[in-house]
PDB file of N, CA and C in Angstrom:
ATOM      1  N   UNK A   1    -106.390  51.825  23.283  1.00  0.00           N
ATOM      2  CA  UNK A   1    -107.078  52.896  23.992  1.00  0.00           C
ATOM      3  C   UNK A   1    -107.699  52.394  25.292  1.00  0.00           C
ATOM      4  N   UNK A   2    -107.780  51.100  25.470  1.00  0.00           N
ATOM      5  CA  UNK A   2    -108.368  50.562  26.699  1.00  0.00           C
ATOM      6  C   UNK A   2    -107.349  50.447  27.818  1.00  0.00           C
ATOM      7  N   UNK A   3    -106.089  50.708  27.543  1.00  0.00           N
ATOM      8  CA  UNK A   3    -105.024  50.509  28.525  1.00  0.00           C
ATOM      9  C   UNK A   3    -105.214  51.332  29.801  1.00  0.00           C
ATOM     10  N   UNK A   4    -105.731  52.565  29.759  1.00  0.00           N
ATOM     11  CA  UNK A   4    -105.921  53.281  31.020  1.00  0.00           C
ATOM     12  C   UNK A   4    -106.873  52.587  31.984  1.00  0.00           C
ATOM     13  N   UNK A   5    -107.706  51.666  31.490  1.00  0.00           N
ATOM     14  CA  UNK A   5    -108.705  51.024  32.337  1.00  0.00           C
ATOM     15  C   UNK A   5    -108.337  49.598  32.735  1.00  0.00           C
ATOM     16  N   UNK A   6    -107.209  49.083  32.253  1.00  0.00           N
ATOM     17  CA  UNK A   6    -106.798  47.705  32.543  1.00  0.00           C
ATOM     18  C   UNK A   6    -106.053  47.610  33.862  1.00  0.00           C
ATOM     19  N   UNK A   7    -106.072  46.406  34.427  1.00  0.00           N
ATOM     20  CA  UNK A   7    -105.316  46.145  35.643  1.00  0.00           C
ATOM     21  C   UNK A   7    -104.553  44.864  35.438  1.00  0.00           C
ATOM     22  N   UNK A   8    -103.288  44.743  35.666  1.00  0.00           N
ATOM     23  CA  UNK A   8    -102.297  45.803  35.882  1.00  0.00           C
ATOM     24  C   UNK A   8    -101.972  46.512  34.564  1.00  0.00           C
ATOM     25  N   UNK A   9    -101.789  47.796  34.624  1.00  0.00           N
ATOM     26  CA  UNK A   9    -101.595  48.560  33.399  1.00  0.00           C
ATOM     27  C   UNK A   9    -100.138  48.641  32.972  1.00  0.00           C
ATOM     28  N   UNK A  10     -99.951  48.885  31.704  1.00  0.00           N
ATOM     29  CA  UNK A  10     -98.647  49.283  31.203  1.00  0.00           C
ATOM     30  C   UNK A  10     -98.650  50.810  31.267  1.00  0.00           C
ATOM     31  N   UNK A  11     -97.798  51.438  32.083  1.00  0.00           N
ATOM     32  CA  UNK A  11     -97.872  52.881  32.270  1.00  0.00           C
ATOM     33  C   UNK A  11     -97.677  53.679  30.990  1.00  0.00           C
ATOM     34  N   UNK A  12     -96.860  53.184  30.069  1.00  0.00           N
ATOM     35  CA  UNK A  12     -96.627  53.932  28.828  1.00  0.00           C
ATOM     36  C   UNK A  12     -97.856  53.884  27.924  1.00  0.00           C
ATOM     37  N   UNK A  13     -98.493  52.732  27.853  1.00  0.00           N
ATOM     38  CA  UNK A  13     -99.710  52.634  27.053  1.00  0.00           C
ATOM     39  C   UNK A  13    -100.863  53.396  27.696  1.00  0.00           C
ATOM     40  N   UNK A  14    -100.910  53.397  29.034  1.00  0.00           N
ATOM     41  CA  UNK A  14    -101.933  54.178  29.724  1.00  0.00           C
ATOM     42  C   UNK A  14    -101.745  55.663  29.445  1.00  0.00           C
ATOM     43  N   UNK A  15    -100.497  56.134  29.451  1.00  0.00           N
ATOM     44  CA  UNK A  15    -100.228  57.545  29.151  1.00  0.00           C
ATOM     45  C   UNK A  15    -100.645  57.877  27.722  1.00  0.00           C
ATOM     46  N   UNK A  16    -100.380  56.968  26.797  1.00  0.00           N
ATOM     47  CA  UNK A  16    -100.807  57.181  25.415  1.00  0.00           C
ATOM     48  C   UNK A  16    -102.332  57.226  25.320  1.00  0.00           C
ATOM     49  N   UNK A  17    -102.999  56.358  26.057  1.00  0.00           N
ATOM     50  CA  UNK A  17    -104.468  56.351  26.079  1.00  0.00           C
ATOM     51  C   UNK A  17    -105.034  57.647  26.615  1.00  0.00           C
ATOM     52  N   UNK A  18    -104.472  58.166  27.724  1.00  0.00           N
ATOM     53  CA  UNK A  18    -104.942  59.441  28.271  1.00  0.00           C
ATOM     54  C   UNK A  18    -104.680  60.586  27.298  1.00  0.00           C
ATOM     55  N   UNK A  19    -103.585  60.525  26.561  1.00  0.00           N
ATOM     56  CA  UNK A  19    -103.287  61.552  25.570  1.00  0.00           C
ATOM     57  C   UNK A  19    -104.314  61.522  24.444  1.00  0.00           C
ATOM     58  N   UNK A  20    -104.636  60.338  23.969  1.00  0.00           N
ATOM     59  CA  UNK A  20    -105.624  60.223  22.892  1.00  0.00           C
ATOM     60  C   UNK A  20    -107.000  60.669  23.369  1.00  0.00           C
ATOM     61  N   UNK A  21    -107.413  60.218  24.563  1.00  0.00           N
ATOM     62  CA  UNK A  21    -108.706  60.635  25.096  1.00  0.00           C
ATOM     63  C   UNK A  21    -108.767  62.150  25.284  1.00  0.00           C
ATOM     64  N   UNK A  22    -107.699  62.745  25.790  1.00  0.00           N
ATOM     65  CA  UNK A  22    -107.675  64.193  25.982  1.00  0.00           C
ATOM     66  C   UNK A  22    -107.808  64.951  24.677  1.00  0.00           C
ATOM     67  N   UNK A  23    -107.107  64.504  23.651  1.00  0.00           N
ATOM     68  CA  UNK A  23    -107.195  65.178  22.344  1.00  0.00           C
ATOM     69  C   UNK A  23    -108.592  65.028  21.746  1.00  0.00           C
ATOM     70  N   UNK A  24    -109.186  63.854  21.885  1.00  0.00           N
ATOM     71  CA  UNK A  24    -110.540  63.645  21.359  1.00  0.00           C
ATOM     72  C   UNK A  24    -111.529  64.539  22.091  1.00  0.00           C
ATOM     73  N   UNK A  25    -111.468  64.548  23.422  1.00  0.00           N
ATOM     74  CA  UNK A  25    -112.400  65.381  24.189  1.00  0.00           C
ATOM     75  C   UNK A  25    -112.153  66.869  23.957  1.00  0.00           C
ATOM     76  N   UNK A  26    -110.900  67.242  23.718  1.00  0.00           N
ATOM     77  CA  UNK A  26    -110.604  68.638  23.394  1.00  0.00           C
ATOM     78  C   UNK A  26    -111.242  69.062  22.091  1.00  0.00           C
ATOM     79  N   UNK A  27    -111.158  68.192  21.080  1.00  0.00           N
ATOM     80  CA  UNK A  27    -111.802  68.500  19.803  1.00  0.00           C
ATOM     81  C   UNK A  27    -113.312  68.518  19.917  1.00  0.00           C
ATOM     82  N   UNK A  28    -113.866  67.551  20.661  1.00  0.00           N
ATOM     83  CA  UNK A  28    -115.324  67.508  20.830  1.00  0.00           C
ATOM     84  C   UNK A  28    -115.846  68.688  21.643  1.00  0.00           C
ATOM     85  N   UNK A  29    -115.047  69.181  22.571  1.00  0.00           N
ATOM     86  CA  UNK A  29    -115.509  70.304  23.392  1.00  0.00           C
ATOM     87  C   UNK A  29    -115.695  71.577  22.571  1.00  0.00           C
ATOM     88  N   UNK A  30    -115.025  71.639  21.423  1.00  0.00           N
ATOM     89  CA  UNK A  30    -115.206  72.802  20.556  1.00  0.00           C
ATOM     90  C   UNK A  30    -116.601  72.846  19.946  1.00  0.00           C
ATOM     91  N   UNK A  31    -117.288  71.710  19.918  1.00  0.00           N
ATOM     92  CA  UNK A  31    -118.663  71.692  19.440  1.00  0.00           C
ATOM     93  C   UNK A  31    -119.611  72.356  20.427  1.00  0.00           C
ATOM     94  N   UNK A  32    -119.216  72.375  21.709  1.00  0.00           N
ATOM     95  CA  UNK A  32    -120.060  72.927  22.757  1.00  0.00           C
ATOM     96  C   UNK A  32    -119.668  74.357  23.105  1.00  0.00           C
ATOM     97  N   UNK A  33    -118.365  74.590  23.274  1.00  0.00           N
ATOM     98  CA  UNK A  33    -117.865  75.905  23.674  1.00  0.00           C
ATOM     99  C   UNK A  33    -116.864  76.376  22.628  1.00  0.00           C
ATOM    100  N   UNK A  34    -117.114  77.513  22.059  1.00  0.00           N
ATOM    101  CA  UNK A  34    -116.229  78.055  21.029  1.00  0.00           C
ATOM    102  C   UNK A  34    -114.908  78.506  21.640  1.00  0.00           C
ATOM    103  N   UNK A  35    -113.831  78.247  20.937  1.00  0.00           N
ATOM    104  CA  UNK A  35    -112.511  78.662  21.411  1.00  0.00           C
ATOM    105  C   UNK A  35    -112.263  80.137  21.152  1.00  0.00           C
ATOM    106  N   UNK A  36    -113.075  80.745  20.319  1.00  0.00           N
ATOM    107  CA  UNK A  36    -112.849  82.142  19.952  1.00  0.00           C
ATOM    108  C   UNK A  36    -113.487  83.116  20.936  1.00  0.00           C
ATOM    109  N   UNK A  37    -113.946  82.606  22.074  1.00  0.00           N
ATOM    110  CA  UNK A  37    -114.503  83.490  23.095  1.00  0.00           C
ATOM    111  C   UNK A  37    -113.412  84.216  23.871  1.00  0.00           C
ATOM    112  N   UNK A  38    -112.204  83.671  23.849  1.00  0.00           N
ATOM    113  CA  UNK A  38    -111.085  84.296  24.557  1.00  0.00           C
ATOM    114  C   UNK A  38    -110.038  84.746  23.543  1.00  0.00           C
ATOM    115  N   UNK A  39    -109.332  85.838  23.842  1.00  0.00           N
ATOM    116  CA  UNK A  39    -108.279  86.309  22.929  1.00  0.00           C
ATOM    117  C   UNK A  39    -107.124  85.302  22.836  1.00  0.00           C
ATOM    118  N   UNK A  40    -106.382  85.383  21.754  1.00  0.00           N
ATOM    119  CA  UNK A  40    -105.289  84.433  21.488  1.00  0.00           C
ATOM    120  C   UNK A  40    -104.230  84.382  22.591  1.00  0.00           C
ATOM    121  N   UNK A  41    -103.784  85.521  23.162  1.00  0.00           N
ATOM    122  CA  UNK A  41    -102.777  85.409  24.234  1.00  0.00           C
ATOM    123  C   UNK A  41    -103.279  84.617  25.441  1.00  0.00           C
ATOM    124  N   UNK A  42    -104.561  84.724  25.750  1.00  0.00           N
ATOM    125  CA  UNK A  42    -105.107  83.961  26.878  1.00  0.00           C
ATOM    126  C   UNK A  42    -105.175  82.480  26.549  1.00  0.00           C
ATOM    127  N   UNK A  43    -105.452  82.142  25.302  1.00  0.00           N
ATOM    128  CA  UNK A  43    -105.489  80.725  24.924  1.00  0.00           C
ATOM    129  C   UNK A  43    -104.110  80.095  25.067  1.00  0.00           C
ATOM    130  N   UNK A  44    -103.072  80.850  24.739  1.00  0.00           N
ATOM    131  CA  UNK A  44    -101.705  80.335  24.894  1.00  0.00           C
ATOM    132  C   UNK A  44    -101.359  80.188  26.372  1.00  0.00           C
ATOM    133  N   UNK A  45    -101.770  81.153  27.185  1.00  0.00           N
ATOM    134  CA  UNK A  45    -101.510  81.079  28.626  1.00  0.00           C
ATOM    135  C   UNK A  45    -102.237  79.889  29.249  1.00  0.00           C
ATOM    136  N   UNK A  46    -103.426  79.586  28.732  1.00  0.00           N
ATOM    137  CA  UNK A  46    -104.182  78.451  29.266  1.00  0.00           C
ATOM    138  C   UNK A  46    -103.509  77.119  28.958  1.00  0.00           C
ATOM    139  N   UNK A  47    -102.678  77.075  27.925  1.00  0.00           N
ATOM    140  CA  UNK A  47    -101.939  75.845  27.626  1.00  0.00           C
ATOM    141  C   UNK A  47    -100.952  75.495  28.731  1.00  0.00           C
ATOM    142  N   UNK A  48    -100.512  76.494  29.476  1.00  0.00           N
ATOM    143  CA  UNK A  48     -99.548  76.270  30.553  1.00  0.00           C
ATOM    144  C   UNK A  48    -100.252  76.140  31.901  1.00  0.00           C
ATOM    145  N   UNK A  49    -101.164  77.049  32.186  1.00  0.00           N
ATOM    146  CA  UNK A  49    -101.753  77.143  33.521  1.00  0.00           C
ATOM    147  C   UNK A  49    -102.739  76.008  33.811  1.00  0.00           C
ATOM    148  N   UNK A  50    -103.643  75.748  32.896  1.00  0.00           N
ATOM    149  CA  UNK A  50    -104.705  74.777  33.164  1.00  0.00           C
ATOM    150  C   UNK A  50    -104.177  73.356  33.369  1.00  0.00           C
ATOM    151  N   UNK A  51    -103.275  72.841  32.531  1.00  0.00           N
ATOM    152  CA  UNK A  51    -102.786  71.474  32.793  1.00  0.00           C
ATOM    153  C   UNK A  51    -102.076  71.326  34.150  1.00  0.00           C
ATOM    154  N   UNK A  52    -101.323  72.326  34.553  1.00  0.00           N
ATOM    155  CA  UNK A  52    -100.652  72.253  35.857  1.00  0.00           C
ATOM    156  C   UNK A  52    -101.687  72.265  36.979  1.00  0.00           C
ATOM    157  N   UNK A  53    -102.702  73.126  36.858  1.00  0.00           N
ATOM    158  CA  UNK A  53    -103.746  73.188  37.885  1.00  0.00           C
ATOM    159  C   UNK A  53    -104.534  71.880  37.954  1.00  0.00           C
ATOM    160  N   UNK A  54    -104.872  71.311  36.816  1.00  0.00           N
ATOM    161  CA  UNK A  54    -105.623  70.055  36.803  1.00  0.00           C
ATOM    162  C   UNK A  54    -104.772  68.921  37.376  1.00  0.00           C
ATOM    163  N   UNK A  55    -103.500  68.871  37.013  1.00  0.00           N
ATOM    164  CA  UNK A  55    -102.624  67.848  37.570  1.00  0.00           C
ATOM    165  C   UNK A  55    -102.524  67.941  39.087  1.00  0.00           C
ATOM    166  N   UNK A  56    -102.413  69.156  39.596  1.00  0.00           N
ATOM    167  CA  UNK A  56    -102.345  69.357  41.046  1.00  0.00           C
ATOM    168  C   UNK A  56    -103.659  68.955  41.720  1.00  0.00           C
ATOM    169  N   UNK A  57    -104.781  69.311  41.113  1.00  0.00           N
ATOM    170  CA  UNK A  57    -106.074  68.937  41.693  1.00  0.00           C
ATOM    171  C   UNK A  57    -106.283  67.427  41.674  1.00  0.00           C
ATOM    172  N   UNK A  58    -105.848  66.772  40.613  1.00  0.00           N
ATOM    173  CA  UNK A  58    -105.994  65.319  40.561  1.00  0.00           C
ATOM    174  C   UNK A  58    -105.110  64.641  41.604  1.00  0.00           C
ATOM    175  N   UNK A  59    -103.925  65.179  41.839  1.00  0.00           N
ATOM    176  CA  UNK A  59    -103.057  64.631  42.886  1.00  0.00           C
ATOM    177  C   UNK A  59    -103.693  64.822  44.264  1.00  0.00           C
ATOM    178  N   UNK A  60    -104.314  65.979  44.487  1.00  0.00           N
ATOM    179  CA  UNK A  60    -105.011  66.219  45.757  1.00  0.00           C
ATOM    180  C   UNK A  60    -106.194  65.265  45.925  1.00  0.00           C
ATOM    181  N   UNK A  61    -106.920  65.019  44.844  1.00  0.00           N
ATOM    182  CA  UNK A  61    -108.033  64.072  44.926  1.00  0.00           C
ATOM    183  C   UNK A  61    -107.534  62.672  45.252  1.00  0.00           C
ATOM    184  N   UNK A  62    -106.379  62.291  44.689  1.00  0.00           N
ATOM    185  CA  UNK A  62    -105.806  60.985  44.992  1.00  0.00           C
ATOM    186  C   UNK A  62    -105.436  60.864  46.458  1.00  0.00           C
ATOM    187  N   UNK A  63    -104.841  61.913  47.012  1.00  0.00           N
ATOM    188  CA  UNK A  63    -104.500  61.889  48.440  1.00  0.00           C
ATOM    189  C   UNK A  63    -105.753  61.853  49.301  1.00  0.00           C
ATOM    190  N   UNK A  64    -106.778  62.600  48.902  1.00  0.00           N
ATOM    191  CA  UNK A  64    -108.034  62.622  49.645  1.00  0.00           C
ATOM    192  C   UNK A  64    -108.684  61.239  49.632  1.00  0.00           C
ATOM    193  N   UNK A  65    -108.684  60.592  48.476  1.00  0.00           N
ATOM    194  CA  UNK A  65    -109.254  59.246  48.393  1.00  0.00           C
ATOM    195  C   UNK A  65    -108.439  58.251  49.229  1.00  0.00           C
ATOM    196  N   UNK A  66    -107.126  58.402  49.230  1.00  0.00           N
ATOM    197  CA  UNK A  66    -106.280  57.494  50.014  1.00  0.00           C
ATOM    198  C   UNK A  66    -106.551  57.668  51.506  1.00  0.00           C
ATOM    199  N   UNK A  67    -106.737  58.907  51.945  1.00  0.00           N
ATOM    200  CA  UNK A  67    -107.037  59.148  53.360  1.00  0.00           C
ATOM    201  C   UNK A  67    -108.378  58.554  53.769  1.00  0.00           C
ATOM    202  N   UNK A  68    -109.314  58.516  52.846  1.00  0.00           N
ATOM    203  CA  UNK A  68    -110.632  57.958  53.135  1.00  0.00           C
ATOM    204  C   UNK A  68    -110.673  56.448  52.939  1.00  0.00           C
ATOM    205  N   UNK A  69    -109.584  55.867  52.467  1.00  0.00           N
ATOM    206  CA  UNK A  69    -109.519  54.430  52.259  1.00  0.00           C
ATOM    207  C   UNK A  69    -110.185  53.966  50.981  1.00  0.00           C
ATOM    208  N   UNK A  70    -110.435  54.884  50.064  1.00  0.00           N
ATOM    209  CA  UNK A  70    -111.073  54.533  48.796  1.00  0.00           C
ATOM    210  C   UNK A  70    -110.014  54.098  47.781  1.00  0.00           C
ATOM    211  N   UNK A  71    -110.482  53.500  46.707  1.00  0.00           N
ATOM    212  CA  UNK A  71    -109.584  53.072  45.634  1.00  0.00           C
ATOM    213  C   UNK A  71    -109.001  54.298  44.932  1.00  0.00           C
ATOM    214  N   UNK A  72    -107.733  54.211  44.592  1.00  0.00           N
ATOM    215  CA  UNK A  72    -107.052  55.305  43.896  1.00  0.00           C
ATOM    216  C   UNK A  72    -106.935  54.916  42.429  1.00  0.00           C
ATOM    217  N   UNK A  73    -107.380  55.796  41.570  1.00  0.00           N
ATOM    218  CA  UNK A  73    -107.307  55.562  40.134  1.00  0.00           C
ATOM    219  C   UNK A  73    -105.995  56.095  39.597  1.00  0.00           C
ATOM    220  N   UNK A  74    -105.640  55.655  38.423  1.00  0.00           N
ATOM    221  CA  UNK A  74    -104.391  56.092  37.807  1.00  0.00           C
ATOM    222  C   UNK A  74    -104.406  57.599  37.532  1.00  0.00           C
ATOM    223  N   UNK A  75    -105.549  58.125  37.166  1.00  0.00           N
ATOM    224  CA  UNK A  75    -105.622  59.547  36.838  1.00  0.00           C
ATOM    225  C   UNK A  75    -105.535  60.411  38.103  1.00  0.00           C
ATOM    226  N   UNK A  76    -105.538  59.797  39.266  1.00  0.00           N
ATOM    227  CA  UNK A  76    -105.388  60.532  40.524  1.00  0.00           C
ATOM    228  C   UNK A  76    -103.937  60.884  40.821  1.00  0.00           C
ATOM    229  N   UNK A  77    -103.086  60.749  39.851  1.00  0.00           N
ATOM    230  CA  UNK A  77    -101.682  61.158  39.984  1.00  0.00           C
ATOM    231  C   UNK A  77    -101.467  62.403  39.146  1.00  0.00           C
ATOM    232  N   UNK A  78    -100.505  63.224  39.561  1.00  0.00           N
ATOM    233  CA  UNK A  78    -100.248  64.484  38.861  1.00  0.00           C
ATOM    234  C   UNK A  78     -99.925  64.260  37.393  1.00  0.00           C
ATOM    235  N   UNK A  79     -99.054  63.299  37.121  1.00  0.00           N
ATOM    236  CA  UNK A  79     -98.573  63.120  35.747  1.00  0.00           C
ATOM    237  C   UNK A  79     -99.688  62.737  34.780  1.00  0.00           C
ATOM    238  N   UNK A  80    -100.567  61.837  35.175  1.00  0.00           N
ATOM    239  CA  UNK A  80    -101.645  61.433  34.275  1.00  0.00           C
ATOM    240  C   UNK A  80    -102.693  62.539  34.131  1.00  0.00           C
ATOM    241  N   UNK A  81    -103.023  63.216  35.223  1.00  0.00           N
ATOM    242  CA  UNK A  81    -103.966  64.336  35.137  1.00  0.00           C
ATOM    243  C   UNK A  81    -103.420  65.466  34.287  1.00  0.00           C
ATOM    244  N   UNK A  82    -102.122  65.756  34.454  1.00  0.00           N
ATOM    245  CA  UNK A  82    -101.473  66.790  33.653  1.00  0.00           C
ATOM    246  C   UNK A  82    -101.470  66.416  32.174  1.00  0.00           C
ATOM    247  N   UNK A  83    -101.135  65.176  31.878  1.00  0.00           N
ATOM    248  CA  UNK A  83    -101.070  64.722  30.491  1.00  0.00           C
ATOM    249  C   UNK A  83    -102.438  64.793  29.819  1.00  0.00           C
ATOM    250  N   UNK A  84    -103.481  64.362  30.523  1.00  0.00           N
ATOM    251  CA  UNK A  84    -104.837  64.427  29.973  1.00  0.00           C
ATOM    252  C   UNK A  84    -105.243  65.878  29.718  1.00  0.00           C
ATOM    253  N   UNK A  85    -105.031  66.757  30.697  1.00  0.00           N
ATOM    254  CA  UNK A  85    -105.421  68.159  30.541  1.00  0.00           C
ATOM    255  C   UNK A  85    -104.584  68.856  29.474  1.00  0.00           C
ATOM    256  N   UNK A  86    -103.308  68.519  29.374  1.00  0.00           N
ATOM    257  CA  UNK A  86    -102.464  69.127  28.352  1.00  0.00           C
ATOM    258  C   UNK A  86    -102.921  68.724  26.956  1.00  0.00           C
ATOM    259  N   UNK A  87    -103.208  67.448  26.764  1.00  0.00           N
ATOM    260  CA  UNK A  87    -103.658  67.021  25.439  1.00  0.00           C
ATOM    261  C   UNK A  87    -105.039  67.582  25.121  1.00  0.00           C
ATOM    262  N   UNK A  88    -105.914  67.742  26.121  1.00  0.00           N
ATOM    263  CA  UNK A  88    -107.206  68.372  25.896  1.00  0.00           C
ATOM    264  C   UNK A  88    -107.012  69.825  25.475  1.00  0.00           C
ATOM    265  N   UNK A  89    -106.159  70.541  26.189  1.00  0.00           N
ATOM    266  CA  UNK A  89    -105.898  71.947  25.855  1.00  0.00           C
ATOM    267  C   UNK A  89    -105.238  72.082  24.488  1.00  0.00           C
ATOM    268  N   UNK A  90    -104.285  71.198  24.193  1.00  0.00           N
ATOM    269  CA  UNK A  90    -103.639  71.234  22.877  1.00  0.00           C
ATOM    270  C   UNK A  90    -104.625  70.890  21.764  1.00  0.00           C
ATOM    271  N   UNK A  91    -105.527  69.954  22.039  1.00  0.00           N
ATOM    272  CA  UNK A  91    -106.555  69.618  21.060  1.00  0.00           C
ATOM    273  C   UNK A  91    -107.460  70.798  20.771  1.00  0.00           C
ATOM    274  N   UNK A  92    -107.878  71.498  21.827  1.00  0.00           N
ATOM    275  CA  UNK A  92    -108.719  72.689  21.628  1.00  0.00           C
ATOM    276  C   UNK A  92    -107.947  73.771  20.876  1.00  0.00           C
ATOM    277  N   UNK A  93    -106.695  73.961  21.261  1.00  0.00           N
ATOM    278  CA  UNK A  93    -105.892  75.016  20.628  1.00  0.00           C
ATOM    279  C   UNK A  93    -105.624  74.693  19.162  1.00  0.00           C
ATOM    280  N   UNK A  94    -105.304  73.447  18.869  1.00  0.00           N
ATOM    281  CA  UNK A  94    -104.974  73.042  17.501  1.00  0.00           C
ATOM    282  C   UNK A  94    -106.185  73.049  16.588  1.00  0.00           C
ATOM    283  N   UNK A  95    -107.285  72.455  17.055  1.00  0.00           N
ATOM    284  CA  UNK A  95    -108.470  72.346  16.200  1.00  0.00           C
ATOM    285  C   UNK A  95    -109.173  73.681  16.024  1.00  0.00           C
ATOM    286  N   UNK A  96    -108.939  74.630  16.928  1.00  0.00           N
ATOM    287  CA  UNK A  96    -109.592  75.941  16.822  1.00  0.00           C
ATOM    288  C   UNK A  96    -108.889  76.848  15.834  1.00  0.00           C
ATOM    289  N   UNK A  97    -107.692  76.488  15.394  1.00  0.00           N
ATOM    290  CA  UNK A  97    -106.937  77.351  14.481  1.00  0.00           C
ATOM    291  C   UNK A  97    -107.549  77.395  13.119  1.00  0.00           C
TER     292      UNK A  97
END
């Protein structure tokens, strides 16, 4: 689980780490915000829309940091941001059932 924070990383282990962290945070977020506040069709739609939006925003943040000359993190790429948000959304959807 420490692979996302290591340098140089193994990309496959880092992806697995982001998936595990996303699922854990998705389950824990149900303790704070109930999943039953939104109807079921919207929860399914959020499984598609939110991970794509988060991945795009993380890619934009990576470009913004690169333009400013700051360090770019692994999660500043679309694929890692998408994977984290997808596993978080799947964790919320699965544990709320």
